[in-house]
C-alpha atoms as a PDB file:
ATOM      1  CA  UNK A   1      -1.087  -3.885 -13.294  1.00  0.00           C
ATOM      2  CA  UNK A   2       1.690  -1.382 -12.632  1.00  0.00           C
ATOM      3  CA  UNK A   3       3.648  -2.132 -15.823  1.00  0.00           C
ATOM      4  CA  UNK A   4       0.500  -1.350 -17.809  1.00  0.00           C
ATOM      5  CA  UNK A   5       0.007   1.839 -15.839  1.00  0.00           C
ATOM      6  CA  UNK A   6       3.601   2.859 -16.590  1.00  0.00           C
ATOM      7  CA  UNK A   7       3.000   2.442 -20.320  1.00  0.00           C
ATOM      8  CA  UNK A   8      -0.129   4.582 -20.186  1.00  0.00           C
ATOM      9  CA  UNK A   9       1.401   7.430 -18.229  1.00  0.00           C
ATOM     10  CA  UNK A  10       4.090   9.862 -19.158  1.00  0.00           C
ATOM     11  CA  UNK A  11       5.486   9.610 -15.639  1.00  0.00           C
ATOM     12  CA  UNK A  12       6.245   6.674 -13.377  1.00  0.00           C
ATOM     13  CA  UNK A  13       5.329   8.700 -10.315  1.00  0.00           C
ATOM     14  CA  UNK A  14       1.983   7.004  -9.570  1.00  0.00           C
ATOM     15  CA  UNK A  15       3.329   3.510 -10.190  1.00  0.00           C
ATOM     16  CA  UNK A  16       6.391   4.134  -8.064  1.00  0.00           C
ATOM     17  CA  UNK A  17       4.233   5.541  -5.284  1.00  0.00           C
ATOM     18  CA  UNK A  18       1.938   2.505  -5.328  1.00  0.00           C
ATOM     19  CA  UNK A  19       4.812   0.048  -5.350  1.00  0.00           C
ATOM     20  CA  UNK A  20       6.375   1.891  -2.431  1.00  0.00           C
ATOM     21  CA  UNK A  21       3.101   1.628  -0.498  1.00  0.00           C
ATOM     22  CA  UNK A  22       2.961  -2.109  -1.192  1.00  0.00           C
ATOM     23  CA  UNK A  23       6.445  -2.511   0.196  1.00  0.00           C
ATOM     24  CA  UNK A  24       5.614  -0.535   3.336  1.00  0.00           C
ATOM     25  CA  UNK A  25       2.560  -2.722   3.938  1.00  0.00           C
ATOM     26  CA  UNK A  26       4.619  -5.893   3.486  1.00  0.00           C
ATOM     27  CA  UNK A  27       7.165  -4.615   5.983  1.00  0.00           C
ATOM     28  CA  UNK A  28       4.459  -3.796   8.515  1.00  0.00           C
ATOM     29  CA  UNK A  29       2.930  -7.257   8.071  1.00  0.00           C
ATOM     30  CA  UNK A  30       6.300  -8.853   8.626  1.00  0.00           C
ATOM     31  CA  UNK A  31       6.801  -6.761  11.748  1.00  0.00           C
ATOM     32  CA  UNK A  32       3.384  -7.837  13.039  1.00  0.00           C
ATOM     33  CA  UNK A  33       4.307 -11.486  12.583  1.00  0.00           C
ATOM     34  CA  UNK A  34       6.997 -11.057  15.208  1.00  0.00           C
ATOM     35  CA  UNK A  35       5.058  -9.097  17.818  1.00  0.00           C
ATOM     36  CA  UNK A  36       2.932 -10.735  20.449  1.00  0.00           C
ATOM     37  CA  UNK A  37      -0.709  -9.714  20.051  1.00  0.00           C
ATOM     38  CA  UNK A  38      -0.750  -8.664  23.690  1.00  0.00           C
ATOM     39  CA  UNK A  39       2.103  -6.215  23.142  1.00  0.00           C
ATOM     40  CA  UNK A  40       0.758  -2.633  22.877  1.00  0.00           C
ATOM     41  CA  UNK A  41       2.988  -2.126  19.835  1.00  0.00           C
ATOM     42  CA  UNK A  42       0.906  -4.700  17.980  1.00  0.00           C
ATOM     43  CA  UNK A  43      -2.151  -2.426  18.098  1.00  0.00           C
ATOM     44  CA  UNK A  44      -0.087   0.549  16.969  1.00  0.00           C
ATOM     45  CA  UNK A  45       1.341  -1.315  13.986  1.00  0.00           C
ATOM     46  CA  UNK A  46      -1.942  -3.022  13.153  1.00  0.00           C
ATOM     47  CA  UNK A  47      -3.754   0.318  13.061  1.00  0.00           C
ATOM     48  CA  UNK A  48      -0.983   1.713  10.883  1.00  0.00           C
ATOM     49  CA  UNK A  49      -1.506  -1.191   8.484  1.00  0.00           C
ATOM     50  CA  UNK A  50      -5.276  -0.710   8.373  1.00  0.00           C
ATOM     51  CA  UNK A  51      -4.841   2.985   7.554  1.00  0.00           C
ATOM     52  CA  UNK A  52      -2.225   2.216   4.911  1.00  0.00           C
ATOM     53  CA  UNK A  53      -4.362  -0.409   3.203  1.00  0.00           C
ATOM     54  CA  UNK A  54      -7.434   1.826   3.275  1.00  0.00           C
ATOM     55  CA  UNK A  55      -5.475   4.722   1.798  1.00  0.00           C
ATOM     56  CA  UNK A  56      -3.924   2.520  -0.872  1.00  0.00           C
ATOM     57  CA  UNK A  57      -7.250   1.003  -1.936  1.00  0.00           C
ATOM     58  CA  UNK A  58      -8.830   4.449  -2.183  1.00  0.00           C
ATOM     59  CA  UNK A  59      -5.972   5.639  -4.390  1.00  0.00           C
ATOM     60  CA  UNK A  60      -6.206   2.579  -6.603  1.00  0.00           C
ATOM     61  CA  UNK A  61      -9.948   2.901  -7.009  1.00  0.00           C
ATOM     62  CA  UNK A  62      -9.921   6.633  -7.676  1.00  0.00           C
ATOM     63  CA  UNK A  63      -6.700   7.063  -9.652  1.00  0.00           C
ATOM     64  CA  UNK A  64      -5.239   3.855 -10.962  1.00  0.00           C
ATOM     65  CA  UNK A  65      -8.349   1.928 -11.980  1.00  0.00           C
ATOM     66  CA  UNK A  66      -9.697   5.046 -13.651  1.00  0.00           C
ATOM     67  CA  UNK A  67      -6.462   5.407 -15.602  1.00  0.00           C
ATOM     68  CA  UNK A  68      -6.510   1.762 -16.677  1.00  0.00           C
ATOM     69  CA  UNK A  69     -10.070   1.765 -18.009  1.00  0.00           C
END
């Protein structure tokens, strides 16, 4: 999806931003894999992930999907 978005835009800014968000979410998931669910840090990181995913989906739906139509 992002290569197509890059071709349609004059700037790579939105694609780069989205790819960066994906990487941050992957890193948070990996971190969660190594934290016990009873550890208070798990809740902190899990909530961070939920907010990140929600933000990312909203951006994709409002900006990226609109651009790709």
